[in-house]
């Protein structure tokens, strides 16, 4: 299966265009943002857990990255309410669940084998934020090929997206305008390297998840 699998072109999934698809596990459904592969795929998704839904224990070759957007996500290590960022390295295992329901942003099979750092970070903790050039920044993870962080823009604040590499954006809160289009909370955008992209927050500000870096786990065939 290929969904937004040409990484040389921009890709956008607006929240009003979400198409929920059932997963093999009862009570768990997802919106496929990009995908290269069948059920075991290199994938970026919004995943919704119904209350009481449980996945059996399974491994994550290529790693798993999670940002909890709503509700509470749980696994072997604990319970994580909205705002928690989790990074499970390649080879890790867990049995995810959600006793009361949750919505999470998930990236699968997009880590290098040598990225073995496990991350558990509460982005709602003010101590994890610092002033940045374009607003407040909450660093999530970085290495020599990718940088992941949350950016909090003030009302009508703007930022020029770094386009020297691939840029991926999830609007976590608020709304953003770019190229004359409005994107509400939950919308996802991905841009290949190219001219800088100007993003402007709405009057109430916006919080963005940003990932800058190369696409890991994508075959050459999927990018042409």
N, C-alpha and C. Protein backbone atom coordinates (compact mmCIF):
# COMPACT_ATOMS: atom_id res chain seq x y z
N UNK A 1 0.84 -1.20 0.00
CA UNK A 1 0.00 0.00 0.00
C UNK A 1 0.88 1.25 0.00
N UNK A 2 0.51 2.21 -0.83
CA UNK A 2 1.24 3.48 -0.90
C UNK A 2 0.26 4.62 -0.64
N UNK A 3 0.54 5.42 0.40
CA UNK A 3 -0.26 6.60 0.73
C UNK A 3 0.71 7.77 0.89
N UNK A 4 0.53 8.81 0.07
CA UNK A 4 1.45 9.95 0.09
C UNK A 4 2.90 9.47 0.11
N UNK A 5 3.20 8.52 -0.78
CA UNK A 5 4.49 7.83 -0.77
C UNK A 5 5.52 8.44 -1.70
N UNK A 6 5.15 9.50 -2.43
CA UNK A 6 6.14 10.21 -3.26
C UNK A 6 6.71 11.34 -2.41
N UNK A 7 7.88 11.11 -1.83
CA UNK A 7 8.47 12.06 -0.89
C UNK A 7 9.17 13.22 -1.59
N UNK A 8 9.10 13.25 -2.93
CA UNK A 8 9.62 14.40 -3.66
C UNK A 8 8.55 15.47 -3.87
N UNK A 9 7.31 15.19 -3.42
CA UNK A 9 6.19 16.11 -3.61
C UNK A 9 5.59 16.50 -2.27
N UNK A 10 4.99 17.71 -2.16
CA UNK A 10 4.28 18.07 -0.94
C UNK A 10 3.10 17.13 -0.71
N UNK A 11 2.74 16.94 0.56
CA UNK A 11 1.58 16.12 0.92
C UNK A 11 0.84 16.82 2.05
N UNK A 12 -0.49 16.80 1.98
CA UNK A 12 -1.32 17.47 2.97
C UNK A 12 -2.52 16.58 3.29
N UNK A 13 -2.82 16.43 4.58
CA UNK A 13 -4.07 15.80 5.01
C UNK A 13 -4.72 16.76 6.01
N UNK A 14 -5.75 17.48 5.57
CA UNK A 14 -6.45 18.41 6.44
C UNK A 14 -7.37 17.63 7.37
N UNK A 15 -7.60 18.17 8.56
CA UNK A 15 -8.39 17.43 9.55
C UNK A 15 -9.80 17.15 9.04
N UNK A 16 -10.35 18.04 8.22
CA UNK A 16 -11.71 17.81 7.70
C UNK A 16 -11.74 16.71 6.65
N UNK A 17 -10.56 16.27 6.19
CA UNK A 17 -10.50 15.20 5.20
C UNK A 17 -10.09 13.86 5.81
N UNK A 18 -10.07 13.76 7.14
CA UNK A 18 -9.73 12.50 7.78
C UNK A 18 -10.62 11.37 7.27
N UNK A 19 -10.00 10.24 6.98
CA UNK A 19 -10.73 9.02 6.61
C UNK A 19 -10.28 7.92 7.57
N UNK A 20 -11.15 7.57 8.52
CA UNK A 20 -10.80 6.58 9.53
C UNK A 20 -10.95 5.17 8.97
N UNK A 21 -9.90 4.36 9.19
CA UNK A 21 -9.86 2.99 8.69
C UNK A 21 -9.64 2.06 9.88
N UNK A 22 -10.42 0.99 9.96
CA UNK A 22 -10.27 0.03 11.05
C UNK A 22 -8.92 -0.66 10.97
N UNK A 23 -8.30 -0.89 12.12
CA UNK A 23 -7.08 -1.68 12.19
C UNK A 23 -7.45 -3.14 12.44
N UNK A 24 -6.49 -4.06 12.41
CA UNK A 24 -6.82 -5.46 12.71
C UNK A 24 -7.27 -5.67 14.16
N UNK A 25 -6.99 -4.69 15.04
CA UNK A 25 -7.36 -4.83 16.44
C UNK A 25 -8.68 -4.14 16.72
N UNK A 26 -9.62 -4.82 17.35
CA UNK A 26 -10.94 -4.26 17.64
C UNK A 26 -10.80 -3.01 18.49
N UNK A 27 -11.55 -1.97 18.11
CA UNK A 27 -11.57 -0.74 18.87
C UNK A 27 -10.48 0.24 18.52
N UNK A 28 -9.63 -0.10 17.56
CA UNK A 28 -8.53 0.78 17.17
C UNK A 28 -8.66 1.10 15.68
N UNK A 29 -8.71 2.38 15.35
CA UNK A 29 -8.79 2.81 13.95
C UNK A 29 -7.79 3.92 13.70
N UNK A 30 -7.53 4.20 12.44
CA UNK A 30 -6.46 5.13 12.12
C UNK A 30 -6.76 5.93 10.86
N UNK A 31 -6.10 7.07 10.77
CA UNK A 31 -6.05 7.88 9.56
C UNK A 31 -4.65 7.73 9.00
N UNK A 32 -4.52 7.24 7.79
CA UNK A 32 -3.21 7.04 7.19
C UNK A 32 -2.74 8.36 6.56
N UNK A 33 -1.66 8.91 7.09
CA UNK A 33 -1.11 10.15 6.57
C UNK A 33 -0.08 9.88 5.49
N UNK A 34 0.87 9.01 5.77
CA UNK A 34 1.70 8.45 4.70
C UNK A 34 2.00 7.00 5.06
N UNK A 35 2.25 6.21 4.03
CA UNK A 35 2.41 4.77 4.26
C UNK A 35 3.15 4.15 3.09
N UNK A 36 4.11 3.30 3.40
CA UNK A 36 4.83 2.52 2.40
C UNK A 36 4.88 1.09 2.92
N UNK A 37 4.00 0.24 2.42
CA UNK A 37 3.96 -1.14 2.87
C UNK A 37 2.55 -1.57 3.21
N UNK A 38 2.39 -2.84 3.55
CA UNK A 38 1.08 -3.41 3.85
C UNK A 38 0.76 -3.17 5.32
N UNK A 39 0.33 -4.22 6.06
CA UNK A 39 -0.02 -4.01 7.46
C UNK A 39 1.21 -3.69 8.30
N UNK A 40 2.33 -4.33 8.00
CA UNK A 40 3.59 -3.99 8.66
C UNK A 40 4.32 -3.03 7.74
N UNK A 41 4.16 -1.71 8.03
CA UNK A 41 4.57 -0.70 7.07
C UNK A 41 5.38 0.41 7.72
N UNK A 42 6.14 1.09 6.89
CA UNK A 42 6.72 2.38 7.27
C UNK A 42 5.57 3.36 7.16
N UNK A 43 5.10 3.91 8.30
CA UNK A 43 3.84 4.64 8.28
C UNK A 43 3.82 5.80 9.26
N UNK A 44 3.03 6.81 8.89
CA UNK A 44 2.70 7.93 9.76
C UNK A 44 1.18 7.99 9.83
N UNK A 45 0.63 8.01 11.04
CA UNK A 45 -0.83 7.88 11.21
C UNK A 45 -1.33 8.66 12.41
N UNK A 46 -2.62 8.99 12.38
CA UNK A 46 -3.37 9.36 13.57
C UNK A 46 -4.14 8.11 13.98
N UNK A 47 -3.99 7.69 15.24
CA UNK A 47 -4.60 6.44 15.69
C UNK A 47 -5.56 6.76 16.84
N UNK A 48 -6.76 6.19 16.78
CA UNK A 48 -7.78 6.42 17.80
C UNK A 48 -8.10 5.10 18.50
N UNK A 49 -7.94 5.11 19.82
CA UNK A 49 -8.25 3.96 20.66
C UNK A 49 -9.61 4.17 21.32
N UNK A 50 -10.51 3.23 21.18
CA UNK A 50 -11.76 3.25 21.94
C UNK A 50 -11.46 2.86 23.38
N UNK A 51 -12.28 3.30 24.34
CA UNK A 51 -12.05 2.91 25.73
C UNK A 51 -11.98 1.40 25.88
N UNK A 52 -10.94 0.95 26.59
CA UNK A 52 -10.77 -0.47 26.84
C UNK A 52 -10.06 -1.25 25.75
N UNK A 53 -9.66 -0.61 24.67
CA UNK A 53 -9.00 -1.34 23.58
C UNK A 53 -7.55 -1.66 23.95
N UNK A 54 -7.09 -2.83 23.48
CA UNK A 54 -5.77 -3.35 23.84
C UNK A 54 -5.13 -4.01 22.62
N UNK A 55 -3.85 -3.74 22.41
CA UNK A 55 -3.07 -4.46 21.41
C UNK A 55 -2.24 -5.54 22.12
N UNK A 56 -2.12 -6.73 21.55
CA UNK A 56 -1.20 -7.71 22.13
C UNK A 56 0.24 -7.23 22.02
N UNK A 57 1.09 -7.76 22.85
CA UNK A 57 2.51 -7.36 22.85
C UNK A 57 3.11 -7.61 21.47
N UNK A 58 3.89 -6.63 21.00
CA UNK A 58 4.52 -6.75 19.69
C UNK A 58 5.78 -5.91 19.65
N UNK A 59 6.65 -6.23 18.71
CA UNK A 59 7.91 -5.52 18.57
C UNK A 59 7.83 -4.41 17.55
N UNK A 60 8.87 -3.57 17.54
CA UNK A 60 8.90 -2.44 16.63
C UNK A 60 10.25 -2.35 15.91
N UNK A 61 10.44 -3.17 14.86
CA UNK A 61 11.61 -2.98 14.02
C UNK A 61 11.53 -1.61 13.35
N UNK A 62 12.60 -0.85 13.41
CA UNK A 62 12.56 0.49 12.85
C UNK A 62 12.01 1.52 13.81
N UNK A 63 11.59 1.10 15.01
CA UNK A 63 11.19 2.04 16.05
C UNK A 63 9.77 2.56 15.92
N UNK A 64 9.36 3.29 16.95
CA UNK A 64 8.03 3.89 17.02
C UNK A 64 8.12 5.22 17.76
N UNK A 65 7.46 6.23 17.21
CA UNK A 65 7.42 7.56 17.81
C UNK A 65 5.95 7.93 18.03
N UNK A 66 5.61 8.44 19.22
CA UNK A 66 4.22 8.72 19.58
C UNK A 66 4.12 10.09 20.22
N UNK A 67 3.10 10.86 19.83
CA UNK A 67 2.71 12.05 20.55
C UNK A 67 1.24 11.87 20.93
N UNK A 68 0.95 11.89 22.23
CA UNK A 68 -0.43 11.70 22.70
C UNK A 68 -1.19 13.01 22.53
N UNK A 69 -2.25 12.98 21.73
CA UNK A 69 -3.01 14.19 21.40
C UNK A 69 -4.23 14.38 22.30
N UNK A 70 -4.84 13.27 22.72
CA UNK A 70 -6.06 13.36 23.53
C UNK A 70 -6.22 12.07 24.32
N UNK A 71 -6.85 12.16 25.49
CA UNK A 71 -7.07 10.98 26.31
C UNK A 71 -5.79 10.51 26.97
N UNK A 72 -5.72 9.21 27.26
CA UNK A 72 -4.56 8.63 27.92
C UNK A 72 -4.17 7.33 27.22
N UNK A 73 -2.92 7.27 26.78
CA UNK A 73 -2.34 6.10 26.15
C UNK A 73 -1.55 5.34 27.21
N UNK A 74 -1.57 4.02 27.16
CA UNK A 74 -0.87 3.21 28.15
C UNK A 74 -0.07 2.11 27.47
N UNK A 75 1.03 1.71 28.12
CA UNK A 75 1.77 0.52 27.70
C UNK A 75 2.45 -0.07 28.92
N UNK A 76 3.40 -0.95 28.70
CA UNK A 76 4.05 -1.66 29.79
C UNK A 76 4.74 -0.72 30.79
N UNK A 77 5.14 0.46 30.32
CA UNK A 77 5.92 1.37 31.16
C UNK A 77 5.06 2.35 31.97
N UNK A 78 3.78 2.52 31.62
CA UNK A 78 2.96 3.45 32.38
C UNK A 78 1.81 4.01 31.58
N UNK A 79 1.15 5.01 32.16
CA UNK A 79 0.04 5.71 31.53
C UNK A 79 0.48 7.11 31.14
N UNK A 80 0.14 7.52 29.91
CA UNK A 80 0.62 8.79 29.37
C UNK A 80 -0.56 9.62 28.86
N UNK A 81 -0.93 10.68 29.58
CA UNK A 81 -2.02 11.54 29.13
C UNK A 81 -1.59 12.46 28.00
N UNK A 82 -2.54 13.23 27.49
CA UNK A 82 -2.27 14.15 26.38
C UNK A 82 -1.04 15.00 26.69
N UNK A 83 -0.21 15.19 25.68
CA UNK A 83 1.00 15.99 25.82
C UNK A 83 2.27 15.19 25.97
N UNK A 84 2.17 13.91 26.22
CA UNK A 84 3.38 13.10 26.37
C UNK A 84 3.94 12.69 25.02
N UNK A 85 5.27 12.74 24.92
CA UNK A 85 6.01 12.31 23.72
C UNK A 85 6.80 11.07 24.09
N UNK A 86 6.64 10.01 23.28
CA UNK A 86 7.30 8.73 23.53
C UNK A 86 8.11 8.33 22.31
N UNK A 87 9.27 7.78 22.58
CA UNK A 87 10.12 7.29 21.50
C UNK A 87 10.64 5.91 21.90
N UNK A 88 10.20 4.89 21.16
CA UNK A 88 10.59 3.51 21.42
C UNK A 88 11.54 3.06 20.31
N UNK A 89 12.80 2.76 20.65
CA UNK A 89 13.79 2.47 19.61
C UNK A 89 13.54 1.14 18.90
N UNK A 90 14.24 0.95 17.81
CA UNK A 90 14.13 -0.28 17.04
C UNK A 90 14.46 -1.48 17.92
N UNK A 91 13.61 -2.50 17.84
CA UNK A 91 13.80 -3.70 18.63
C UNK A 91 13.03 -3.71 19.93
N UNK A 92 12.41 -2.59 20.30
CA UNK A 92 11.65 -2.53 21.54
C UNK A 92 10.31 -3.26 21.37
N UNK A 93 9.69 -3.60 22.50
CA UNK A 93 8.40 -4.29 22.49
C UNK A 93 7.49 -3.67 23.53
N UNK A 94 6.18 -3.70 23.28
CA UNK A 94 5.20 -3.28 24.29
C UNK A 94 3.81 -3.78 23.91
N UNK A 95 2.89 -3.64 24.87
CA UNK A 95 1.48 -4.00 24.66
C UNK A 95 0.65 -2.74 24.91
N UNK A 96 0.40 -1.93 23.89
CA UNK A 96 -0.32 -0.66 24.08
C UNK A 96 -1.80 -0.87 24.35
N UNK A 97 -2.37 0.09 25.08
CA UNK A 97 -3.79 0.03 25.39
C UNK A 97 -4.28 1.43 25.76
N UNK A 98 -5.57 1.55 25.99
CA UNK A 98 -6.13 2.81 26.48
C UNK A 98 -7.40 2.51 27.26
N UNK A 99 -7.31 2.51 28.59
CA UNK A 99 -8.50 2.18 29.39
C UNK A 99 -9.68 3.11 29.16
N UNK A 100 -9.40 4.40 28.91
CA UNK A 100 -10.49 5.37 28.75
C UNK A 100 -10.54 6.00 27.36
N UNK A 101 -9.72 5.55 26.45
CA UNK A 101 -9.71 6.09 25.10
C UNK A 101 -8.59 7.09 24.89
N UNK A 102 -8.10 7.19 23.66
CA UNK A 102 -7.00 8.10 23.35
C UNK A 102 -6.91 8.33 21.85
N UNK A 103 -6.29 9.45 21.48
CA UNK A 103 -5.92 9.74 20.10
C UNK A 103 -4.43 10.05 20.11
N UNK A 104 -3.67 9.38 19.26
CA UNK A 104 -2.22 9.58 19.23
C UNK A 104 -1.74 9.78 17.79
N UNK A 105 -0.63 10.50 17.66
CA UNK A 105 0.09 10.65 16.40
C UNK A 105 1.24 9.66 16.46
N UNK A 106 1.37 8.81 15.43
CA UNK A 106 2.33 7.71 15.46
C UNK A 106 3.16 7.68 14.19
N UNK A 107 4.48 7.45 14.36
CA UNK A 107 5.37 7.21 13.24
C UNK A 107 6.06 5.87 13.47
N UNK A 108 5.93 4.95 12.51
CA UNK A 108 6.47 3.60 12.62
C UNK A 108 7.58 3.36 11.60
N UNK A 109 8.61 2.62 12.03
CA UNK A 109 9.70 2.17 11.15
C UNK A 109 10.41 3.34 10.49
N UNK A 110 10.68 4.38 11.27
CA UNK A 110 11.32 5.57 10.70
C UNK A 110 12.57 5.98 11.50
N UNK A 111 13.14 5.02 12.24
CA UNK A 111 14.34 5.28 13.03
C UNK A 111 15.51 4.45 12.51
N UNK A 112 16.70 4.98 12.67
CA UNK A 112 17.89 4.22 12.34
C UNK A 112 18.14 3.16 13.42
N UNK A 113 18.80 2.08 13.03
CA UNK A 113 19.08 1.00 13.98
C UNK A 113 19.96 1.47 15.14
N UNK A 114 20.82 2.47 14.89
CA UNK A 114 21.73 2.93 15.95
C UNK A 114 21.08 3.99 16.86
N UNK A 115 19.83 4.38 16.59
CA UNK A 115 19.11 5.31 17.46
C UNK A 115 18.40 4.50 18.55
N UNK A 116 19.08 4.29 19.64
CA UNK A 116 18.56 3.40 20.68
C UNK A 116 18.11 4.16 21.93
N UNK A 117 17.94 5.46 21.82
CA UNK A 117 17.49 6.25 22.97
C UNK A 117 15.98 6.11 23.15
N UNK A 118 15.55 5.73 24.36
CA UNK A 118 14.13 5.72 24.70
C UNK A 118 13.79 7.06 25.32
N UNK A 119 12.70 7.67 24.88
CA UNK A 119 12.31 9.00 25.36
C UNK A 119 10.92 8.93 25.98
N UNK A 120 10.75 9.57 27.13
CA UNK A 120 9.46 9.79 27.77
C UNK A 120 9.47 11.24 28.25
N UNK A 121 8.70 12.12 27.59
CA UNK A 121 8.79 13.55 27.86
C UNK A 121 7.40 14.16 27.93
N UNK A 122 7.13 14.90 28.99
CA UNK A 122 5.85 15.58 29.18
C UNK A 122 5.94 16.98 28.59
N UNK A 123 5.32 17.19 27.43
CA UNK A 123 5.41 18.51 26.78
C UNK A 123 4.52 19.54 27.46
N UNK A 124 3.68 19.13 28.41
CA UNK A 124 2.89 20.09 29.17
C UNK A 124 3.67 20.66 30.36
N UNK A 125 4.83 20.14 30.64
CA UNK A 125 5.68 20.63 31.73
C UNK A 125 6.43 21.87 31.24
N UNK A 126 6.20 23.05 31.83
CA UNK A 126 6.88 24.27 31.37
C UNK A 126 8.40 24.18 31.40
N UNK A 127 8.95 23.30 32.25
CA UNK A 127 10.39 23.16 32.35
C UNK A 127 11.01 22.60 31.07
N UNK A 128 10.20 21.98 30.21
CA UNK A 128 10.71 21.40 28.97
C UNK A 128 10.67 22.38 27.80
N UNK A 129 10.25 23.61 28.06
CA UNK A 129 10.17 24.62 27.02
C UNK A 129 11.25 25.69 27.22
N UNK A 130 11.67 26.29 26.10
CA UNK A 130 12.65 27.38 26.15
C UNK A 130 12.31 28.39 25.06
N UNK A 131 12.74 29.64 25.24
CA UNK A 131 12.49 30.65 24.19
C UNK A 131 13.25 30.28 22.91
N UNK A 132 12.61 30.52 21.78
CA UNK A 132 13.24 30.27 20.49
C UNK A 132 13.10 31.48 19.59
N UNK A 133 13.74 31.42 18.44
CA UNK A 133 13.73 32.56 17.51
C UNK A 133 12.32 32.87 17.03
N UNK A 134 11.50 31.85 16.83
CA UNK A 134 10.17 32.04 16.26
C UNK A 134 9.05 31.80 17.27
N UNK A 135 9.39 31.58 18.54
CA UNK A 135 8.40 31.30 19.57
C UNK A 135 9.01 30.40 20.62
N UNK A 136 8.19 29.78 21.44
CA UNK A 136 8.69 28.86 22.45
C UNK A 136 8.89 27.48 21.83
N UNK A 137 9.98 26.81 22.24
CA UNK A 137 10.36 25.54 21.65
C UNK A 137 10.46 24.48 22.74
N UNK A 138 9.94 23.28 22.45
CA UNK A 138 10.09 22.12 23.31
C UNK A 138 10.84 21.06 22.51
N UNK A 139 12.16 20.92 22.70
CA UNK A 139 12.91 19.91 21.96
C UNK A 139 12.45 18.50 22.35
N UNK A 140 12.29 17.65 21.36
CA UNK A 140 11.85 16.28 21.60
C UNK A 140 12.96 15.27 21.33
N UNK A 141 13.67 15.44 20.23
CA UNK A 141 14.75 14.52 19.88
C UNK A 141 15.55 15.11 18.73
N UNK A 142 16.85 14.82 18.70
CA UNK A 142 17.66 15.22 17.55
C UNK A 142 18.89 14.32 17.44
N UNK A 143 19.33 14.13 16.22
CA UNK A 143 20.61 13.49 15.93
C UNK A 143 21.17 14.15 14.68
N UNK A 144 22.15 13.52 14.03
CA UNK A 144 22.78 14.18 12.89
C UNK A 144 21.95 14.12 11.61
N UNK A 145 20.77 13.46 11.65
CA UNK A 145 19.95 13.38 10.43
C UNK A 145 18.52 13.87 10.63
N UNK A 146 18.10 14.14 11.88
CA UNK A 146 16.75 14.64 12.09
C UNK A 146 16.68 15.49 13.36
N UNK A 147 15.71 16.40 13.36
CA UNK A 147 15.42 17.22 14.53
C UNK A 147 13.91 17.24 14.72
N UNK A 148 13.45 16.94 15.94
CA UNK A 148 12.02 16.87 16.24
C UNK A 148 11.74 17.77 17.43
N UNK A 149 10.73 18.64 17.29
CA UNK A 149 10.42 19.56 18.39
C UNK A 149 8.99 20.07 18.24
N UNK A 150 8.46 20.64 19.34
CA UNK A 150 7.22 21.38 19.30
C UNK A 150 7.55 22.86 19.26
N UNK A 151 6.77 23.61 18.50
CA UNK A 151 6.93 25.06 18.38
C UNK A 151 5.61 25.71 18.74
N UNK A 152 5.66 26.64 19.69
CA UNK A 152 4.46 27.36 20.11
C UNK A 152 4.55 28.80 19.60
N UNK A 153 3.70 29.14 18.65
CA UNK A 153 3.67 30.48 18.06
C UNK A 153 2.60 31.33 18.73
N UNK A 154 2.92 32.59 18.94
CA UNK A 154 1.93 33.52 19.48
C UNK A 154 0.91 33.86 18.40
N UNK A 155 -0.18 34.53 18.79
CA UNK A 155 -1.21 34.92 17.85
C UNK A 155 -0.65 35.70 16.67
N UNK A 156 -0.92 35.20 15.47
CA UNK A 156 -0.47 35.77 14.20
C UNK A 156 1.05 35.76 14.06
N UNK A 157 1.71 35.01 14.90
CA UNK A 157 3.15 34.83 14.74
C UNK A 157 3.44 33.97 13.53
N UNK A 158 4.60 34.15 12.93
CA UNK A 158 4.93 33.40 11.72
C UNK A 158 6.32 32.80 11.82
N UNK A 159 6.54 31.80 11.01
CA UNK A 159 7.83 31.13 10.94
C UNK A 159 8.04 30.71 9.49
N UNK A 160 9.28 30.80 9.04
CA UNK A 160 9.62 30.30 7.71
C UNK A 160 10.15 28.88 7.88
N UNK A 161 9.45 27.92 7.30
CA UNK A 161 9.87 26.53 7.42
C UNK A 161 11.24 26.31 6.81
N UNK A 162 12.07 25.54 7.50
CA UNK A 162 13.39 25.16 6.99
C UNK A 162 13.20 24.20 5.84
N UNK A 163 13.59 24.59 4.63
CA UNK A 163 13.36 23.73 3.48
C UNK A 163 14.67 23.23 2.88
N UNK A 164 15.75 23.25 3.66
CA UNK A 164 16.99 22.64 3.18
C UNK A 164 16.89 21.11 3.28
N UNK A 165 15.86 20.65 3.98
CA UNK A 165 15.61 19.22 4.13
C UNK A 165 14.10 19.01 4.17
N UNK A 166 13.66 17.77 4.25
CA UNK A 166 12.22 17.51 4.36
C UNK A 166 11.68 18.10 5.66
N UNK A 167 10.50 18.71 5.57
CA UNK A 167 9.84 19.30 6.73
C UNK A 167 8.47 18.67 6.90
N UNK A 168 8.19 18.15 8.09
CA UNK A 168 6.90 17.55 8.40
C UNK A 168 6.27 18.30 9.55
N UNK A 169 4.98 18.61 9.44
CA UNK A 169 4.29 19.43 10.43
C UNK A 169 2.95 18.79 10.80
N UNK A 170 2.67 18.71 12.09
CA UNK A 170 1.35 18.38 12.58
C UNK A 170 0.88 19.55 13.42
N UNK A 171 -0.30 20.08 13.12
CA UNK A 171 -0.84 21.18 13.91
C UNK A 171 -1.50 20.58 15.14
N UNK A 172 -0.86 20.76 16.28
CA UNK A 172 -1.32 20.16 17.53
C UNK A 172 -2.44 20.98 18.16
N UNK A 173 -2.36 22.30 18.04
CA UNK A 173 -3.38 23.18 18.60
C UNK A 173 -3.41 24.46 17.78
N UNK A 174 -4.57 25.11 17.72
CA UNK A 174 -4.72 26.35 16.98
C UNK A 174 -4.89 26.11 15.49
N UNK A 175 -4.57 27.13 14.71
CA UNK A 175 -4.68 27.04 13.26
C UNK A 175 -3.51 27.76 12.62
N UNK A 176 -3.21 27.36 11.38
CA UNK A 176 -2.07 27.90 10.65
C UNK A 176 -2.51 28.24 9.24
N UNK A 177 -1.95 29.31 8.71
CA UNK A 177 -2.21 29.72 7.33
C UNK A 177 -0.91 29.63 6.54
N UNK A 178 -0.98 29.06 5.33
CA UNK A 178 0.16 29.01 4.45
C UNK A 178 -0.33 28.96 3.01
N UNK A 179 0.29 29.75 2.14
CA UNK A 179 -0.09 29.80 0.73
C UNK A 179 -1.58 30.06 0.52
N UNK A 180 -2.16 30.87 1.42
CA UNK A 180 -3.56 31.23 1.29
C UNK A 180 -4.54 30.19 1.80
N UNK A 181 -4.03 29.10 2.38
CA UNK A 181 -4.90 28.04 2.88
C UNK A 181 -4.87 28.02 4.41
N UNK A 182 -6.00 27.70 5.01
CA UNK A 182 -6.11 27.58 6.46
C UNK A 182 -6.11 26.10 6.84
N UNK A 183 -5.31 25.77 7.84
CA UNK A 183 -5.23 24.40 8.33
C UNK A 183 -5.51 24.39 9.83
N UNK A 184 -6.53 23.65 10.23
CA UNK A 184 -6.94 23.60 11.63
C UNK A 184 -6.15 22.54 12.38
N UNK A 185 -6.33 22.55 13.70
CA UNK A 185 -5.68 21.57 14.56
C UNK A 185 -5.97 20.15 14.08
N UNK A 186 -4.94 19.34 14.02
CA UNK A 186 -5.07 17.97 13.51
C UNK A 186 -4.59 17.82 12.09
N UNK A 187 -4.44 18.92 11.36
CA UNK A 187 -3.97 18.83 9.97
C UNK A 187 -2.48 18.50 9.93
N UNK A 188 -2.09 17.81 8.88
CA UNK A 188 -0.71 17.33 8.71
C UNK A 188 -0.19 17.77 7.36
N UNK A 189 1.06 18.26 7.33
CA UNK A 189 1.67 18.73 6.09
C UNK A 189 3.10 18.20 6.01
N UNK A 190 3.53 17.87 4.81
CA UNK A 190 4.91 17.42 4.58
C UNK A 190 5.43 18.09 3.31
N UNK A 191 6.62 18.69 3.41
CA UNK A 191 7.21 19.40 2.29
C UNK A 191 8.59 18.83 1.98
N UNK A 192 8.90 18.60 0.70
CA UNK A 192 10.26 18.18 0.34
C UNK A 192 11.20 19.38 0.42
N UNK A 193 12.51 19.16 0.32
CA UNK A 193 13.43 20.31 0.27
C UNK A 193 13.04 21.26 -0.86
N UNK A 194 13.19 22.56 -0.59
CA UNK A 194 12.82 23.57 -1.57
C UNK A 194 12.79 24.95 -0.95
N UNK A 195 12.17 25.91 -1.61
CA UNK A 195 12.08 27.26 -1.07
C UNK A 195 11.38 27.27 0.28
N UNK A 196 11.78 28.15 1.21
CA UNK A 196 11.15 28.20 2.54
C UNK A 196 9.65 28.41 2.45
N UNK A 197 8.92 27.77 3.36
CA UNK A 197 7.46 27.85 3.42
C UNK A 197 7.08 28.72 4.62
N UNK A 198 6.33 29.82 4.38
CA UNK A 198 5.94 30.68 5.49
C UNK A 198 4.65 30.16 6.12
N UNK A 199 4.69 29.98 7.43
CA UNK A 199 3.53 29.53 8.19
C UNK A 199 3.16 30.64 9.17
N UNK A 200 1.87 31.00 9.22
CA UNK A 200 1.41 32.04 10.14
C UNK A 200 0.30 31.47 11.01
N UNK A 201 0.44 31.67 12.32
CA UNK A 201 -0.58 31.20 13.26
C UNK A 201 -1.81 32.10 13.20
N UNK A 202 -2.95 31.56 13.61
CA UNK A 202 -4.16 32.35 13.74
C UNK A 202 -4.07 33.30 14.91
N UNK A 203 -5.14 34.02 15.14
CA UNK A 203 -5.12 35.06 16.18
C UNK A 203 -4.92 34.49 17.58
N UNK A 204 -5.26 33.21 17.81
CA UNK A 204 -5.11 32.59 19.11
C UNK A 204 -3.79 31.84 19.25
N UNK A 205 -2.94 31.93 18.24
CA UNK A 205 -1.67 31.21 18.28
C UNK A 205 -1.81 29.78 17.81
N UNK A 206 -0.71 29.05 17.84
CA UNK A 206 -0.72 27.66 17.38
C UNK A 206 0.46 26.91 17.99
N UNK A 207 0.26 25.61 18.17
CA UNK A 207 1.35 24.72 18.59
C UNK A 207 1.56 23.70 17.48
N UNK A 208 2.80 23.56 17.03
CA UNK A 208 3.13 22.69 15.92
C UNK A 208 4.13 21.63 16.33
N UNK A 209 3.93 20.41 15.86
CA UNK A 209 4.97 19.38 15.88
C UNK A 209 5.74 19.54 14.58
N UNK A 210 7.06 19.62 14.66
CA UNK A 210 7.88 19.72 13.46
C UNK A 210 8.96 18.65 13.48
N UNK A 211 9.14 18.05 12.34
CA UNK A 211 10.27 17.13 12.13
C UNK A 211 11.02 17.57 10.90
N UNK A 212 12.30 17.84 11.07
CA UNK A 212 13.17 18.24 9.98
C UNK A 212 14.20 17.13 9.77
N UNK A 213 14.31 16.63 8.55
CA UNK A 213 15.32 15.61 8.30
C UNK A 213 14.95 14.69 7.17
N UNK A 214 15.85 13.78 6.88
CA UNK A 214 15.65 12.84 5.78
C UNK A 214 14.55 11.84 6.12
N UNK A 215 14.00 11.21 5.09
CA UNK A 215 12.98 10.18 5.29
C UNK A 215 13.67 8.85 5.51
N UNK A 216 13.47 8.29 6.70
CA UNK A 216 14.05 7.00 7.04
C UNK A 216 13.08 5.89 6.67
N UNK A 217 13.60 4.78 6.14
CA UNK A 217 12.76 3.62 5.86
C UNK A 217 11.98 3.71 4.57
N UNK A 218 12.40 4.60 3.65
CA UNK A 218 11.70 4.75 2.37
C UNK A 218 12.60 4.21 1.28
N UNK A 219 12.09 3.27 0.49
CA UNK A 219 12.86 2.74 -0.62
C UNK A 219 12.90 3.74 -1.76
N UNK A 220 13.89 3.61 -2.60
CA UNK A 220 14.00 4.52 -3.76
C UNK A 220 12.76 4.42 -4.64
N UNK A 221 12.18 3.22 -4.75
CA UNK A 221 11.02 3.05 -5.62
C UNK A 221 9.82 3.84 -5.10
N UNK A 222 9.71 4.02 -3.77
CA UNK A 222 8.57 4.71 -3.22
C UNK A 222 8.67 6.22 -3.38
N UNK A 223 9.84 6.72 -3.75
CA UNK A 223 10.05 8.16 -3.82
C UNK A 223 10.06 8.69 -5.24
N UNK A 224 9.69 7.86 -6.19
CA UNK A 224 9.70 8.32 -7.58
C UNK A 224 8.31 8.15 -8.19
